[in-house]
Amino acid sequence: MSDPTHVGSSSDDRTVNNIMRHQYRVLDGTEKLHMQEVKDAGLRFVRLLHQVGGTDFAGDRQGSRELSRAQTKMEEAVMWAVKHITR
């Protein structure tokens, strides 16, 4: 059963829980795949940072300021790549 308060980032229904953007362009299959791959790569990198810092991925804090900054930059990189895909 699906959760009506959460919509997958590659779903065509992604305006449901977004009050800022009222219209989205429907993505084709390749664009959806690219968006998922970019997000998966970011997630793998963040998990690696937790491994390097000796912290638990379930926690939201990195082991050092440097690793926290690296995670922030990765999140920004993913955001800009997704923005390119969805424009």
N, C-alpha and C. Protein backbone atom coordinates (compact mmCIF):
# COMPACT_ATOMS: atom_id res chain seq x y z
N MET A 1 0.85 -1.18 0.00
CA MET A 1 0.00 0.00 0.00
C MET A 1 0.90 1.24 0.00
N SER A 2 0.55 2.23 -0.82
CA SER A 2 1.39 3.42 -0.90
C SER A 2 1.03 4.43 0.18
N ASP A 3 2.00 5.24 0.52
CA ASP A 3 1.85 6.28 1.54
C ASP A 3 1.50 7.58 0.83
N PRO A 4 0.31 8.15 1.05
CA PRO A 4 -0.09 9.35 0.33
C PRO A 4 0.70 10.60 0.69
N THR A 5 1.48 10.56 1.77
CA THR A 5 2.26 11.74 2.15
C THR A 5 3.66 11.72 1.55
N HIS A 6 4.04 10.62 0.91
CA HIS A 6 5.36 10.51 0.29
C HIS A 6 5.22 10.07 -1.16
N VAL A 7 5.93 10.74 -2.02
CA VAL A 7 5.89 10.43 -3.44
C VAL A 7 7.32 10.20 -3.90
N GLY A 8 7.54 9.14 -4.64
CA GLY A 8 8.89 8.85 -5.14
C GLY A 8 9.41 9.99 -5.99
N SER A 9 10.71 10.26 -5.88
CA SER A 9 11.29 11.40 -6.58
C SER A 9 11.23 11.27 -8.09
N SER A 10 11.10 10.06 -8.60
CA SER A 10 10.99 9.89 -10.05
C SER A 10 9.55 9.66 -10.49
N SER A 11 8.60 9.75 -9.56
CA SER A 11 7.19 9.54 -9.87
C SER A 11 6.63 10.73 -10.65
N ASP A 12 5.70 10.46 -11.54
CA ASP A 12 5.03 11.54 -12.26
C ASP A 12 4.07 12.31 -11.35
N ASP A 13 3.82 11.82 -10.13
CA ASP A 13 2.93 12.47 -9.18
C ASP A 13 3.68 13.33 -8.17
N ARG A 14 4.89 13.76 -8.48
CA ARG A 14 5.72 14.40 -7.47
C ARG A 14 5.32 15.82 -7.10
N THR A 15 4.26 16.38 -7.67
CA THR A 15 3.77 17.70 -7.22
C THR A 15 2.87 17.58 -6.01
N VAL A 16 2.43 16.39 -5.67
CA VAL A 16 1.47 16.19 -4.59
C VAL A 16 1.95 16.77 -3.27
N ASN A 17 3.22 16.58 -2.93
CA ASN A 17 3.70 17.04 -1.62
C ASN A 17 4.70 18.20 -1.74
N ASN A 18 4.60 18.99 -2.79
CA ASN A 18 5.51 20.10 -2.99
C ASN A 18 4.72 21.39 -3.14
N ILE A 19 4.79 22.24 -2.12
CA ILE A 19 4.01 23.48 -2.16
C ILE A 19 4.67 24.57 -3.00
N MET A 20 5.94 24.44 -3.32
CA MET A 20 6.66 25.50 -4.03
C MET A 20 6.57 25.37 -5.55
N ARG A 21 6.75 24.17 -6.05
CA ARG A 21 6.71 23.98 -7.51
C ARG A 21 5.37 23.37 -7.86
N HIS A 22 4.63 24.07 -8.69
CA HIS A 22 3.28 23.64 -9.00
C HIS A 22 3.18 22.82 -10.27
N GLN A 23 4.18 22.89 -11.11
CA GLN A 23 4.15 22.10 -12.34
C GLN A 23 5.50 21.42 -12.53
N TYR A 24 5.45 20.20 -12.94
CA TYR A 24 6.65 19.45 -13.27
C TYR A 24 6.52 18.93 -14.69
N ARG A 25 7.63 18.81 -15.33
CA ARG A 25 7.66 18.19 -16.65
C ARG A 25 7.69 16.68 -16.43
N VAL A 26 6.92 15.95 -17.19
CA VAL A 26 6.93 14.49 -17.09
C VAL A 26 8.25 13.99 -17.65
N LEU A 27 8.94 13.19 -16.87
CA LEU A 27 10.25 12.67 -17.27
C LEU A 27 10.09 11.40 -18.09
N ASP A 28 11.00 11.22 -19.04
CA ASP A 28 10.97 9.95 -19.77
C ASP A 28 11.74 8.90 -18.97
N GLY A 29 11.72 7.69 -19.42
CA GLY A 29 12.34 6.58 -18.69
C GLY A 29 13.82 6.77 -18.46
N THR A 30 14.53 7.29 -19.46
CA THR A 30 15.97 7.51 -19.31
C THR A 30 16.26 8.58 -18.28
N GLU A 31 15.47 9.64 -18.28
CA GLU A 31 15.66 10.71 -17.29
C GLU A 31 15.40 10.20 -15.87
N LYS A 32 14.36 9.39 -15.72
CA LYS A 32 14.07 8.81 -14.41
C LYS A 32 15.22 7.92 -13.95
N LEU A 33 15.76 7.14 -14.87
CA LEU A 33 16.88 6.27 -14.55
C LEU A 33 18.11 7.09 -14.15
N HIS A 34 18.41 8.14 -14.90
CA HIS A 34 19.55 9.00 -14.58
C HIS A 34 19.39 9.65 -13.22
N MET A 35 18.19 10.13 -12.92
CA MET A 35 17.95 10.77 -11.64
C MET A 35 18.19 9.77 -10.51
N GLN A 36 17.68 8.55 -10.67
CA GLN A 36 17.87 7.53 -9.64
C GLN A 36 19.34 7.17 -9.48
N GLU A 37 20.07 7.07 -10.60
CA GLU A 37 21.50 6.74 -10.54
C GLU A 37 22.29 7.83 -9.84
N VAL A 38 21.98 9.10 -10.12
CA VAL A 38 22.66 10.22 -9.46
C VAL A 38 22.42 10.17 -7.96
N LYS A 39 21.18 9.96 -7.56
CA LYS A 39 20.85 9.91 -6.14
C LYS A 39 21.49 8.70 -5.47
N ASP A 40 21.52 7.57 -6.16
CA ASP A 40 22.17 6.38 -5.60
C ASP A 40 23.66 6.60 -5.41
N ALA A 41 24.30 7.28 -6.38
CA ALA A 41 25.73 7.56 -6.27
C ALA A 41 26.00 8.47 -5.07
N GLY A 42 25.15 9.47 -4.87
CA GLY A 42 25.29 10.35 -3.71
C GLY A 42 25.14 9.59 -2.41
N LEU A 43 24.18 8.69 -2.36
CA LEU A 43 23.96 7.89 -1.16
C LEU A 43 25.16 6.98 -0.87
N ARG A 44 25.71 6.37 -1.92
CA ARG A 44 26.91 5.53 -1.73
C ARG A 44 28.06 6.36 -1.17
N PHE A 45 28.23 7.58 -1.66
CA PHE A 45 29.31 8.43 -1.18
C PHE A 45 29.10 8.81 0.28
N VAL A 46 27.88 9.16 0.65
CA VAL A 46 27.59 9.52 2.05
C VAL A 46 27.84 8.32 2.96
N ARG A 47 27.45 7.14 2.52
CA ARG A 47 27.72 5.93 3.32
C ARG A 47 29.22 5.71 3.47
N LEU A 48 29.99 5.97 2.41
CA LEU A 48 31.44 5.84 2.48
C LEU A 48 32.01 6.83 3.50
N LEU A 49 31.50 8.05 3.51
CA LEU A 49 31.96 9.05 4.48
C LEU A 49 31.72 8.58 5.90
N HIS A 50 30.57 7.97 6.16
CA HIS A 50 30.30 7.42 7.49
C HIS A 50 31.28 6.30 7.82
N GLN A 51 31.59 5.47 6.84
CA GLN A 51 32.55 4.39 7.05
C GLN A 51 33.93 4.96 7.38
N VAL A 52 34.36 5.95 6.62
CA VAL A 52 35.66 6.58 6.84
C VAL A 52 35.72 7.22 8.22
N GLY A 53 34.63 7.86 8.62
CA GLY A 53 34.60 8.56 9.91
C GLY A 53 34.25 7.67 11.09
N GLY A 54 33.93 6.40 10.82
CA GLY A 54 33.61 5.48 11.90
C GLY A 54 32.28 5.78 12.58
N THR A 55 31.35 6.34 11.83
CA THR A 55 30.04 6.66 12.39
C THR A 55 28.98 5.76 11.77
N ASP A 56 27.84 5.70 12.45
CA ASP A 56 26.73 4.87 12.01
C ASP A 56 25.91 5.64 10.98
N PHE A 57 25.66 5.00 9.83
CA PHE A 57 24.87 5.66 8.78
C PHE A 57 23.48 6.04 9.27
N ALA A 58 22.92 5.25 10.19
CA ALA A 58 21.57 5.55 10.71
C ALA A 58 21.54 6.90 11.43
N GLY A 59 22.68 7.30 12.00
CA GLY A 59 22.76 8.62 12.62
C GLY A 59 22.95 9.65 11.53
N ASP A 60 22.62 10.87 11.82
CA ASP A 60 22.72 11.89 10.78
C ASP A 60 23.97 12.75 10.91
N ARG A 61 24.87 12.40 11.83
CA ARG A 61 26.08 13.21 12.04
C ARG A 61 27.30 12.47 11.53
N GLN A 62 28.14 13.20 10.84
CA GLN A 62 29.41 12.65 10.37
C GLN A 62 30.43 12.71 11.49
N GLY A 63 31.58 12.06 11.28
CA GLY A 63 32.61 11.96 12.30
C GLY A 63 33.45 13.21 12.50
N SER A 64 33.38 14.14 11.56
CA SER A 64 34.16 15.37 11.68
C SER A 64 33.50 16.48 10.86
N ARG A 65 33.95 17.68 11.13
CA ARG A 65 33.45 18.82 10.34
C ARG A 65 33.79 18.64 8.88
N GLU A 66 34.98 18.13 8.59
CA GLU A 66 35.40 17.95 7.20
C GLU A 66 34.47 16.97 6.46
N LEU A 67 34.15 15.86 7.14
CA LEU A 67 33.27 14.87 6.51
C LEU A 67 31.84 15.42 6.39
N SER A 68 31.42 16.21 7.36
CA SER A 68 30.11 16.84 7.28
C SER A 68 30.05 17.79 6.08
N ARG A 69 31.11 18.55 5.88
CA ARG A 69 31.17 19.46 4.72
C ARG A 69 31.18 18.68 3.42
N ALA A 70 31.90 17.56 3.39
CA ALA A 70 31.93 16.73 2.19
C ALA A 70 30.52 16.22 1.88
N GLN A 71 29.78 15.82 2.92
CA GLN A 71 28.41 15.35 2.70
C GLN A 71 27.53 16.48 2.17
N THR A 72 27.67 17.65 2.75
CA THR A 72 26.88 18.79 2.28
C THR A 72 27.17 19.09 0.82
N LYS A 73 28.43 19.04 0.44
CA LYS A 73 28.79 19.30 -0.96
C LYS A 73 28.25 18.21 -1.88
N MET A 74 28.24 16.96 -1.41
CA MET A 74 27.67 15.88 -2.22
C MET A 74 26.17 16.10 -2.40
N GLU A 75 25.49 16.48 -1.32
CA GLU A 75 24.05 16.75 -1.41
C GLU A 75 23.79 17.88 -2.41
N GLU A 76 24.64 18.89 -2.40
CA GLU A 76 24.49 19.99 -3.35
C GLU A 76 24.74 19.51 -4.78
N ALA A 77 25.75 18.69 -4.97
CA ALA A 77 26.05 18.16 -6.30
C ALA A 77 24.88 17.34 -6.84
N VAL A 78 24.29 16.51 -5.98
CA VAL A 78 23.13 15.72 -6.39
C VAL A 78 21.98 16.64 -6.76
N MET A 79 21.74 17.66 -5.95
CA MET A 79 20.65 18.60 -6.22
C MET A 79 20.82 19.25 -7.60
N TRP A 80 22.03 19.71 -7.90
CA TRP A 80 22.25 20.39 -9.18
C TRP A 80 22.14 19.41 -10.35
N ALA A 81 22.61 18.20 -10.18
CA ALA A 81 22.50 17.21 -11.25
C ALA A 81 21.03 16.87 -11.50
N VAL A 82 20.25 16.71 -10.45
CA VAL A 82 18.82 16.42 -10.60
C VAL A 82 18.11 17.61 -11.24
N LYS A 83 18.50 18.80 -10.84
CA LYS A 83 17.91 20.01 -11.44
C LYS A 83 18.16 20.02 -12.94
N HIS A 84 19.36 19.64 -13.36
CA HIS A 84 19.66 19.56 -14.79
C HIS A 84 18.76 18.54 -15.47
N ILE A 85 18.60 17.40 -14.87
CA ILE A 85 17.80 16.32 -15.47
C ILE A 85 16.33 16.73 -15.58
N THR A 86 15.82 17.43 -14.58
CA THR A 86 14.38 17.73 -14.54
C THR A 86 14.00 19.07 -15.15
N ARG A 87 14.94 19.84 -15.63
CA ARG A 87 14.59 21.17 -16.18
C ARG A 87 13.80 21.09 -17.45
